């Protein structure tokens, strides 16, 4: 069933790629600098984090004597979280945003979540590419361990889209779902060690981080980019299984209610 769906989606690759291209171009259609903003915005963020935290505030990570350690720690966490948040928040609204398209055109509805992921990965690759250049220039590139980011990001994308599709279907029938999750994700950000190291938390609170699936993914990225260490793969098994379960649940939910969604919209 999954293979047949993938084949069906492959036949609409032109529609998917065209949608990604149109959305990317539309963001900068009426701006003077155009697509240059895709570089300038993340570059400004990286410079601000680096200058403010490493030079002005001179923020340090416990046990790591490096000028840019906290800046890299912060960028690694924020950029990784940004990819997750963009996929989930856009996926949960994609069926509502494209209601007219769903009513007028006949195409696989799963194209919409695929477009969401493709757009998010395109934006992320630009930002993370600039961040990687910064790591090389500043002499903080982690080396071969950098490749470990690929499976980590793959797990993150699967977790995000599985959650996003599930919320997206529910959001069509219960509009409070989107509003409620908007609040949840704000708390979720601060309950994840992104701007602070987990080592500063009390032991009782630190043990609760094992129940936060994003904590393991963020920690894996920070370990790779800050300390140059391979992630603790065992810690990623729970979120991997959760990602698979959410993808299966989201697909089942979508399959059962795909027809009803068009009527509801």
C-alpha atoms as a PDB file:
ATOM      1  CA  UNK A   1       0.000   0.000   0.000  1.00  0.00           C
ATOM      2  CA  UNK A   2       2.815   2.400   0.908  1.00  0.00           C
ATOM      3  CA  UNK A   3       4.711   1.565  -2.299  1.00  0.00           C
ATOM      4  CA  UNK A   4       1.586   2.176  -4.398  1.00  0.00           C
ATOM      5  CA  UNK A   5       1.096   5.550  -2.728  1.00  0.00           C
ATOM      6  CA  UNK A   6       4.704   6.500  -3.406  1.00  0.00           C
ATOM      7  CA  UNK A   7       4.339   5.514  -7.058  1.00  0.00           C
ATOM      8  CA  UNK A   8       1.165   7.561  -7.282  1.00  0.00           C
ATOM      9  CA  UNK A   9       2.928  10.567  -5.781  1.00  0.00           C
ATOM     10  CA  UNK A  10       5.841  10.099  -8.195  1.00  0.00           C
ATOM     11  CA  UNK A  11       3.482  10.630 -11.131  1.00  0.00           C
ATOM     12  CA  UNK A  12       2.691  14.056  -9.667  1.00  0.00           C
ATOM     13  CA  UNK A  13       6.320  15.069  -9.120  1.00  0.00           C
ATOM     14  CA  UNK A  14       5.876  17.943 -11.576  1.00  0.00           C
ATOM     15  CA  UNK A  15       2.989  19.318  -9.530  1.00  0.00           C
ATOM     16  CA  UNK A  16       4.997  18.981  -6.302  1.00  0.00           C
ATOM     17  CA  UNK A  17       8.174  20.585  -7.674  1.00  0.00           C
ATOM     18  CA  UNK A  18       6.176  23.343  -9.348  1.00  0.00           C
ATOM     19  CA  UNK A  19       4.369  24.130  -6.090  1.00  0.00           C
ATOM     20  CA  UNK A  20       7.659  24.279  -4.154  1.00  0.00           C
ATOM     21  CA  UNK A  21       9.172  26.578  -6.785  1.00  0.00           C
ATOM     22  CA  UNK A  22       6.129  28.884  -6.846  1.00  0.00           C
ATOM     23  CA  UNK A  23       6.034  29.189  -3.071  1.00  0.00           C
ATOM     24  CA  UNK A  24       9.751  29.929  -2.873  1.00  0.00           C
ATOM     25  CA  UNK A  25       9.501  32.605  -5.555  1.00  0.00           C
ATOM     26  CA  UNK A  26       6.324  34.165  -4.160  1.00  0.00           C
ATOM     27  CA  UNK A  27       8.004  34.956  -0.834  1.00  0.00           C
ATOM     28  CA  UNK A  28      10.351  37.456  -2.498  1.00  0.00           C
ATOM     29  CA  UNK A  29       8.322  38.404  -5.575  1.00  0.00           C
ATOM     30  CA  UNK A  30       7.929  42.109  -4.763  1.00  0.00           C
ATOM     31  CA  UNK A  31      11.241  42.662  -2.958  1.00  0.00           C
ATOM     32  CA  UNK A  32      14.191  44.483  -4.485  1.00  0.00           C
ATOM     33  CA  UNK A  33      16.772  41.957  -3.336  1.00  0.00           C
ATOM     34  CA  UNK A  34      14.617  38.956  -4.218  1.00  0.00           C
ATOM     35  CA  UNK A  35      16.018  35.561  -3.278  1.00  0.00           C
ATOM     36  CA  UNK A  36      19.043  37.249  -1.660  1.00  0.00           C
ATOM     37  CA  UNK A  37      16.896  37.495   1.493  1.00  0.00           C
ATOM     38  CA  UNK A  38      17.089  33.726   1.859  1.00  0.00           C
ATOM     39  CA  UNK A  39      20.778  34.233   2.583  1.00  0.00           C
ATOM     40  CA  UNK A  40      20.677  37.593   4.372  1.00  0.00           C
ATOM     41  CA  UNK A  41      18.088  36.646   7.015  1.00  0.00           C
ATOM     42  CA  UNK A  42      19.825  33.489   8.329  1.00  0.00           C
ATOM     43  CA  UNK A  43      23.231  35.135   7.954  1.00  0.00           C
ATOM     44  CA  UNK A  44      22.054  38.004  10.164  1.00  0.00           C
ATOM     45  CA  UNK A  45      20.768  35.528  12.760  1.00  0.00           C
ATOM     46  CA  UNK A  46      24.063  33.627  12.859  1.00  0.00           C
ATOM     47  CA  UNK A  47      26.062  36.864  13.171  1.00  0.00           C
ATOM     48  CA  UNK A  48      23.815  38.155  15.975  1.00  0.00           C
ATOM     49  CA  UNK A  49      24.051  34.910  17.943  1.00  0.00           C
ATOM     50  CA  UNK A  50      27.808  34.746  17.445  1.00  0.00           C
ATOM     51  CA  UNK A  51      28.619  38.376  18.243  1.00  0.00           C
ATOM     52  CA  UNK A  52      26.141  38.816  21.106  1.00  0.00           C
ATOM     53  CA  UNK A  53      26.775  35.567  22.954  1.00  0.00           C
ATOM     54  CA  UNK A  54      30.442  34.924  22.208  1.00  0.00           C
ATOM     55  CA  UNK A  55      31.872  38.456  22.187  1.00  0.00           C
ATOM     56  CA  UNK A  56      29.552  40.730  24.177  1.00  0.00           C
ATOM     57  CA  UNK A  57      27.942  38.418  26.733  1.00  0.00           C
ATOM     58  CA  UNK A  58      30.841  35.936  26.576  1.00  0.00           C
ATOM     59  CA  UNK A  59      28.434  33.106  27.362  1.00  0.00           C
ATOM     60  CA  UNK A  60      30.084  29.794  28.151  1.00  0.00           C
ATOM     61  CA  UNK A  61      28.954  26.199  28.242  1.00  0.00           C
ATOM     62  CA  UNK A  62      29.829  24.281  31.415  1.00  0.00           C
ATOM     63  CA  UNK A  63      32.945  22.190  30.847  1.00  0.00           C
ATOM     64  CA  UNK A  64      33.678  23.516  27.342  1.00  0.00           C
ATOM     65  CA  UNK A  65      36.375  26.138  26.909  1.00  0.00           C
ATOM     66  CA  UNK A  66      35.598  27.563  23.494  1.00  0.00           C
ATOM     67  CA  UNK A  67      34.734  31.091  22.402  1.00  0.00           C
ATOM     68  CA  UNK A  68      31.961  30.011  20.072  1.00  0.00           C
ATOM     69  CA  UNK A  69      30.713  26.955  21.990  1.00  0.00           C
ATOM     70  CA  UNK A  70      27.501  28.522  23.290  1.00  0.00           C
ATOM     71  CA  UNK A  71      26.769  30.267  19.975  1.00  0.00           C
ATOM     72  CA  UNK A  72      27.092  26.945  18.130  1.00  0.00           C
ATOM     73  CA  UNK A  73      25.018  25.221  20.818  1.00  0.00           C
ATOM     74  CA  UNK A  74      22.293  27.833  20.437  1.00  0.00           C
ATOM     75  CA  UNK A  75      22.317  27.807  16.613  1.00  0.00           C
ATOM     76  CA  UNK A  76      22.258  23.997  16.514  1.00  0.00           C
ATOM     77  CA  UNK A  77      19.223  23.905  18.784  1.00  0.00           C
ATOM     78  CA  UNK A  78      17.316  26.815  17.257  1.00  0.00           C
ATOM     79  CA  UNK A  79      17.850  25.747  13.643  1.00  0.00           C
ATOM     80  CA  UNK A  80      16.899  22.136  14.362  1.00  0.00           C
ATOM     81  CA  UNK A  81      13.809  23.217  16.279  1.00  0.00           C
ATOM     82  CA  UNK A  82      12.936  25.608  13.455  1.00  0.00           C
ATOM     83  CA  UNK A  83      12.823  22.723  10.962  1.00  0.00           C
ATOM     84  CA  UNK A  84      10.552  20.712  13.261  1.00  0.00           C
ATOM     85  CA  UNK A  85       8.255  23.647  14.034  1.00  0.00           C
ATOM     86  CA  UNK A  86       7.911  24.692  10.394  1.00  0.00           C
ATOM     87  CA  UNK A  87       6.925  21.201   9.245  1.00  0.00           C
ATOM     88  CA  UNK A  88       4.422  20.597  12.053  1.00  0.00           C
ATOM     89  CA  UNK A  89       2.748  24.015  12.047  1.00  0.00           C
ATOM     90  CA  UNK A  90       2.474  24.167   8.263  1.00  0.00           C
ATOM     91  CA  UNK A  91       1.306  20.549   7.955  1.00  0.00           C
ATOM     92  CA  UNK A  92      -1.449  21.050  10.517  1.00  0.00           C
ATOM     93  CA  UNK A  93      -2.843  23.941   8.451  1.00  0.00           C
ATOM     94  CA  UNK A  94      -2.105  22.715   4.927  1.00  0.00           C
ATOM     95  CA  UNK A  95      -5.520  21.174   4.260  1.00  0.00           C
ATOM     96  CA  UNK A  96      -7.289  24.322   5.464  1.00  0.00           C
ATOM     97  CA  UNK A  97      -5.005  26.645   3.503  1.00  0.00           C
ATOM     98  CA  UNK A  98      -5.540  24.671   0.291  1.00  0.00           C
ATOM     99  CA  UNK A  99      -9.274  24.128   0.692  1.00  0.00           C
ATOM    100  CA  UNK A 100     -10.107  25.688  -2.682  1.00  0.00           C
ATOM    101  CA  UNK A 101      -7.453  23.598  -4.413  1.00  0.00           C
ATOM    102  CA  UNK A 102      -8.797  20.409  -2.850  1.00  0.00           C
ATOM    103  CA  UNK A 103     -12.311  21.204  -4.025  1.00  0.00           C
ATOM    104  CA  UNK A 104     -11.427  22.181  -7.585  1.00  0.00           C
ATOM    105  CA  UNK A 105      -8.597  19.851  -8.604  1.00  0.00           C
ATOM    106  CA  UNK A 106      -8.167  16.095  -8.535  1.00  0.00           C
ATOM    107  CA  UNK A 107      -4.742  15.114  -7.239  1.00  0.00           C
ATOM    108  CA  UNK A 108      -3.339  12.935  -4.422  1.00  0.00           C
ATOM    109  CA  UNK A 109      -4.045  14.794  -1.187  1.00  0.00           C
ATOM    110  CA  UNK A 110      -0.733  13.529   0.182  1.00  0.00           C
ATOM    111  CA  UNK A 111       1.008  15.883  -2.239  1.00  0.00           C
ATOM    112  CA  UNK A 112       0.277  18.709   0.210  1.00  0.00           C
ATOM    113  CA  UNK A 113       2.289  17.279   3.167  1.00  0.00           C
ATOM    114  CA  UNK A 114       5.088  16.371   0.734  1.00  0.00           C
ATOM    115  CA  UNK A 115       5.159  19.985  -0.483  1.00  0.00           C
ATOM    116  CA  UNK A 116       5.313  21.183   3.134  1.00  0.00           C
ATOM    117  CA  UNK A 117       8.326  18.955   3.857  1.00  0.00           C
ATOM    118  CA  UNK A 118      10.070  19.923   0.603  1.00  0.00           C
ATOM    119  CA  UNK A 119       9.646  23.642   1.297  1.00  0.00           C
ATOM    120  CA  UNK A 120      10.837  23.278   4.877  1.00  0.00           C
ATOM    121  CA  UNK A 121      13.906  21.278   3.817  1.00  0.00           C
ATOM    122  CA  UNK A 122      14.723  23.823   1.106  1.00  0.00           C
ATOM    123  CA  UNK A 123      14.607  26.694   3.601  1.00  0.00           C
ATOM    124  CA  UNK A 124      16.521  24.679   6.186  1.00  0.00           C
ATOM    125  CA  UNK A 125      19.256  23.619   3.750  1.00  0.00           C
ATOM    126  CA  UNK A 126      20.001  27.262   2.944  1.00  0.00           C
ATOM    127  CA  UNK A 127      20.175  28.318   6.586  1.00  0.00           C
ATOM    128  CA  UNK A 128      22.074  25.244   7.760  1.00  0.00           C
ATOM    129  CA  UNK A 129      24.443  25.498   4.811  1.00  0.00           C
ATOM    130  CA  UNK A 130      25.433  28.998   5.931  1.00  0.00           C
ATOM    131  CA  UNK A 131      25.821  27.763   9.491  1.00  0.00           C
ATOM    132  CA  UNK A 132      28.070  24.941   8.256  1.00  0.00           C
ATOM    133  CA  UNK A 133      30.227  27.485   6.400  1.00  0.00           C
ATOM    134  CA  UNK A 134      30.533  29.421   9.643  1.00  0.00           C
ATOM    135  CA  UNK A 135      31.691  26.242  11.413  1.00  0.00           C
ATOM    136  CA  UNK A 136      34.386  25.703   8.778  1.00  0.00           C
ATOM    137  CA  UNK A 137      35.576  29.335   8.789  1.00  0.00           C
ATOM    138  CA  UNK A 138      35.682  29.535  12.591  1.00  0.00           C
ATOM    139  CA  UNK A 139      37.589  26.234  12.858  1.00  0.00           C
ATOM    140  CA  UNK A 140      34.743  24.438  14.649  1.00  0.00           C
ATOM    141  CA  UNK A 141      33.686  21.978  11.953  1.00  0.00           C
ATOM    142  CA  UNK A 142      33.183  18.582  13.665  1.00  0.00           C
ATOM    143  CA  UNK A 143      34.634  16.499  10.814  1.00  0.00           C
ATOM    144  CA  UNK A 144      33.342  13.061   9.812  1.00  0.00           C
ATOM    145  CA  UNK A 145      30.837  13.010  12.674  1.00  0.00           C
ATOM    146  CA  UNK A 146      28.956  15.727  10.771  1.00  0.00           C
ATOM    147  CA  UNK A 147      27.460  12.940   8.617  1.00  0.00           C
ATOM    148  CA  UNK A 148      25.609  11.650  11.678  1.00  0.00           C
ATOM    149  CA  UNK A 149      23.266  14.614  11.247  1.00  0.00           C
ATOM    150  CA  UNK A 150      21.632  12.887   8.262  1.00  0.00           C
ATOM    151  CA  UNK A 151      19.899  10.073  10.198  1.00  0.00           C
ATOM    152  CA  UNK A 152      19.080  12.492  13.028  1.00  0.00           C
ATOM    153  CA  UNK A 153      17.351  14.886  10.637  1.00  0.00           C
ATOM    154  CA  UNK A 154      15.603  11.972   8.918  1.00  0.00           C
ATOM    155  CA  UNK A 155      14.097  10.912  12.263  1.00  0.00           C
ATOM    156  CA  UNK A 156      13.138  14.521  13.006  1.00  0.00           C
ATOM    157  CA  UNK A 157      11.373  14.963   9.644  1.00  0.00           C
ATOM    158  CA  UNK A 158       9.482  11.666  10.062  1.00  0.00           C
ATOM    159  CA  UNK A 159       8.410  12.645  13.583  1.00  0.00           C
ATOM    160  CA  UNK A 160       7.376  16.140  12.469  1.00  0.00           C
ATOM    161  CA  UNK A 161       5.366  15.089   9.403  1.00  0.00           C
ATOM    162  CA  UNK A 162       3.696  12.207  11.248  1.00  0.00           C
ATOM    163  CA  UNK A 163       2.582  14.600  13.967  1.00  0.00           C
ATOM    164  CA  UNK A 164       1.722  17.291  11.405  1.00  0.00           C
ATOM    165  CA  UNK A 165      -0.511  15.062   9.267  1.00  0.00           C
ATOM    166  CA  UNK A 166      -2.330  13.748  12.342  1.00  0.00           C
ATOM    167  CA  UNK A 167      -2.964  17.283  13.599  1.00  0.00           C
ATOM    168  CA  UNK A 168      -3.807  18.459  10.071  1.00  0.00           C
ATOM    169  CA  UNK A 169      -6.636  15.936   9.649  1.00  0.00           C
ATOM    170  CA  UNK A 170      -7.997  16.621  13.142  1.00  0.00           C
ATOM    171  CA  UNK A 171      -7.749  20.367  12.547  1.00  0.00           C
ATOM    172  CA  UNK A 172     -10.153  20.109   9.602  1.00  0.00           C
ATOM    173  CA  UNK A 173     -12.897  18.744  11.841  1.00  0.00           C
ATOM    174  CA  UNK A 174     -11.946  20.444  15.115  1.00  0.00           C
ATOM    175  CA  UNK A 175     -10.472  23.901  14.486  1.00  0.00           C
ATOM    176  CA  UNK A 176      -9.465  24.246  18.146  1.00  0.00           C
ATOM    177  CA  UNK A 177      -6.700  21.698  17.508  1.00  0.00           C
ATOM    178  CA  UNK A 178      -4.578  24.206  15.585  1.00  0.00           C
ATOM    179  CA  UNK A 179      -5.107  26.959  18.153  1.00  0.00           C
ATOM    180  CA  UNK A 180      -4.297  24.653  21.053  1.00  0.00           C
ATOM    181  CA  UNK A 181      -1.158  23.272  19.447  1.00  0.00           C
ATOM    182  CA  UNK A 182       0.066  26.825  18.796  1.00  0.00           C
ATOM    183  CA  UNK A 183       0.161  27.267  22.573  1.00  0.00           C
ATOM    184  CA  UNK A 184       1.639  23.810  23.181  1.00  0.00           C
ATOM    185  CA  UNK A 185       4.571  24.355  20.817  1.00  0.00           C
ATOM    186  CA  UNK A 186       5.571  27.574  22.608  1.00  0.00           C
ATOM    187  CA  UNK A 187       5.793  25.743  25.929  1.00  0.00           C
ATOM    188  CA  UNK A 188       7.448  22.784  24.215  1.00  0.00           C
ATOM    189  CA  UNK A 189      10.263  25.027  22.955  1.00  0.00           C
ATOM    190  CA  UNK A 190      11.160  26.255  26.441  1.00  0.00           C
ATOM    191  CA  UNK A 191      10.760  22.796  27.963  1.00  0.00           C
ATOM    192  CA  UNK A 192      13.431  21.529  25.546  1.00  0.00           C
ATOM    193  CA  UNK A 193      17.143  22.228  26.280  1.00  0.00           C
ATOM    194  CA  UNK A 194      17.746  24.582  23.357  1.00  0.00           C
ATOM    195  CA  UNK A 195      18.839  27.879  24.900  1.00  0.00           C
ATOM    196  CA  UNK A 196      20.071  26.288  28.132  1.00  0.00           C
ATOM    197  CA  UNK A 197      22.175  23.162  28.762  1.00  0.00           C
ATOM    198  CA  UNK A 198      20.408  20.251  30.400  1.00  0.00           C
ATOM    199  CA  UNK A 199      23.198  20.072  32.994  1.00  0.00           C
ATOM    200  CA  UNK A 200      21.906  23.192  34.799  1.00  0.00           C
ATOM    201  CA  UNK A 201      18.535  21.572  35.509  1.00  0.00           C
ATOM    202  CA  UNK A 202      17.771  19.854  38.829  1.00  0.00           C
ATOM    203  CA  UNK A 203      18.171  16.101  38.735  1.00  0.00           C
ATOM    204  CA  UNK A 204      14.425  15.523  39.110  1.00  0.00           C
ATOM    205  CA  UNK A 205      13.649  17.749  36.124  1.00  0.00           C
ATOM    206  CA  UNK A 206      16.531  16.340  34.097  1.00  0.00           C
ATOM    207  CA  UNK A 207      15.096  12.822  34.355  1.00  0.00           C
ATOM    208  CA  UNK A 208      11.816  14.067  32.837  1.00  0.00           C
ATOM    209  CA  UNK A 209      13.628  15.006  29.616  1.00  0.00           C
ATOM    210  CA  UNK A 210      13.484  11.367  28.548  1.00  0.00           C
ATOM    211  CA  UNK A 211       9.746  11.913  27.979  1.00  0.00           C
ATOM    212  CA  UNK A 212      10.401  14.821  25.606  1.00  0.00           C
ATOM    213  CA  UNK A 213      11.050  13.340  22.138  1.00  0.00           C
ATOM    214  CA  UNK A 214      12.569  16.569  20.833  1.00  0.00           C
ATOM    215  CA  UNK A 215      15.093  16.701  23.679  1.00  0.00           C
ATOM    216  CA  UNK A 216      16.917  13.636  22.347  1.00  0.00           C
ATOM    217  CA  UNK A 217      17.008  14.971  18.771  1.00  0.00           C
ATOM    218  CA  UNK A 218      18.204  18.429  19.802  1.00  0.00           C
ATOM    219  CA  UNK A 219      20.826  16.907  22.122  1.00  0.00           C
ATOM    220  CA  UNK A 220      22.090  14.681  19.298  1.00  0.00           C
ATOM    221  CA  UNK A 221      22.572  17.689  16.990  1.00  0.00           C
ATOM    222  CA  UNK A 222      24.276  19.684  19.736  1.00  0.00           C
ATOM    223  CA  UNK A 223      26.613  16.807  20.606  1.00  0.00           C
ATOM    224  CA  UNK A 224      27.638  16.499  16.962  1.00  0.00           C
ATOM    225  CA  UNK A 225      28.143  20.209  16.304  1.00  0.00           C
ATOM    226  CA  UNK A 226      29.441  21.440  19.668  1.00  0.00           C
ATOM    227  CA  UNK A 227      31.611  18.615  20.955  1.00  0.00           C
ATOM    228  CA  UNK A 228      32.181  16.663  17.722  1.00  0.00           C
ATOM    229  CA  UNK A 229      30.860  13.481  19.324  1.00  0.00           C
ATOM    230  CA  UNK A 230      28.697  10.792  17.790  1.00  0.00           C
ATOM    231  CA  UNK A 231      25.169  10.908  19.195  1.00  0.00           C
ATOM    232  CA  UNK A 232      24.006   8.341  21.713  1.00  0.00           C
ATOM    233  CA  UNK A 233      22.028   6.243  19.253  1.00  0.00           C
ATOM    234  CA  UNK A 234      20.208   4.359  22.008  1.00  0.00           C
ATOM    235  CA  UNK A 235      18.597   7.611  23.140  1.00  0.00           C
ATOM    236  CA  UNK A 236      17.071   8.067  19.659  1.00  0.00           C
ATOM    237  CA  UNK A 237      15.210   4.739  19.573  1.00  0.00           C
ATOM    238  CA  UNK A 238      12.128   5.997  21.488  1.00  0.00           C
ATOM    239  CA  UNK A 239      11.623   9.003  19.203  1.00  0.00           C
ATOM    240  CA  UNK A 240      12.278   6.819  16.133  1.00  0.00           C
ATOM    241  CA  UNK A 241       9.550   4.369  17.170  1.00  0.00           C
ATOM    242  CA  UNK A 242       7.255   7.288  18.012  1.00  0.00           C
ATOM    243  CA  UNK A 243       7.906   8.806  14.566  1.00  0.00           C
ATOM    244  CA  UNK A 244       7.002   5.519  12.847  1.00  0.00           C
ATOM    245  CA  UNK A 245       3.867   5.179  14.969  1.00  0.00           C
ATOM    246  CA  UNK A 246       2.778   8.753  14.231  1.00  0.00           C
ATOM    247  CA  UNK A 247       3.367   8.339  10.496  1.00  0.00           C
ATOM    248  CA  UNK A 248       1.288   5.134  10.510  1.00  0.00           C
ATOM    249  CA  UNK A 249      -1.446   6.748  12.598  1.00  0.00           C
ATOM    250  CA  UNK A 250      -1.462   9.902  10.465  1.00  0.00           C
ATOM    251  CA  UNK A 251      -1.696   7.905   7.224  1.00  0.00           C
ATOM    252  CA  UNK A 252      -4.507   5.751   8.618  1.00  0.00           C
ATOM    253  CA  UNK A 253      -6.381   8.808   9.852  1.00  0.00           C
ATOM    254  CA  UNK A 254      -5.883  10.522   6.508  1.00  0.00           C
ATOM    255  CA  UNK A 255      -7.004   7.473   4.498  1.00  0.00           C
ATOM    256  CA  UNK A 256     -10.188   7.063   6.537  1.00  0.00           C
ATOM    257  CA  UNK A 257     -11.227  10.716   6.394  1.00  0.00           C
ATOM    258  CA  UNK A 258      -9.808  12.002   3.082  1.00  0.00           C
ATOM    259  CA  UNK A 259     -13.246  12.052   1.449  1.00  0.00           C
ATOM    260  CA  UNK A 260     -14.959  13.632   4.442  1.00  0.00           C
ATOM    261  CA  UNK A 261     -12.348  16.385   4.629  1.00  0.00           C
ATOM    262  CA  UNK A 262     -13.352  17.847   1.265  1.00  0.00           C
ATOM    263  CA  UNK A 263     -16.994  18.049   2.403  1.00  0.00           C
ATOM    264  CA  UNK A 264     -15.969  19.585   5.733  1.00  0.00           C
ATOM    265  CA  UNK A 265     -13.806  22.201   4.008  1.00  0.00           C
END
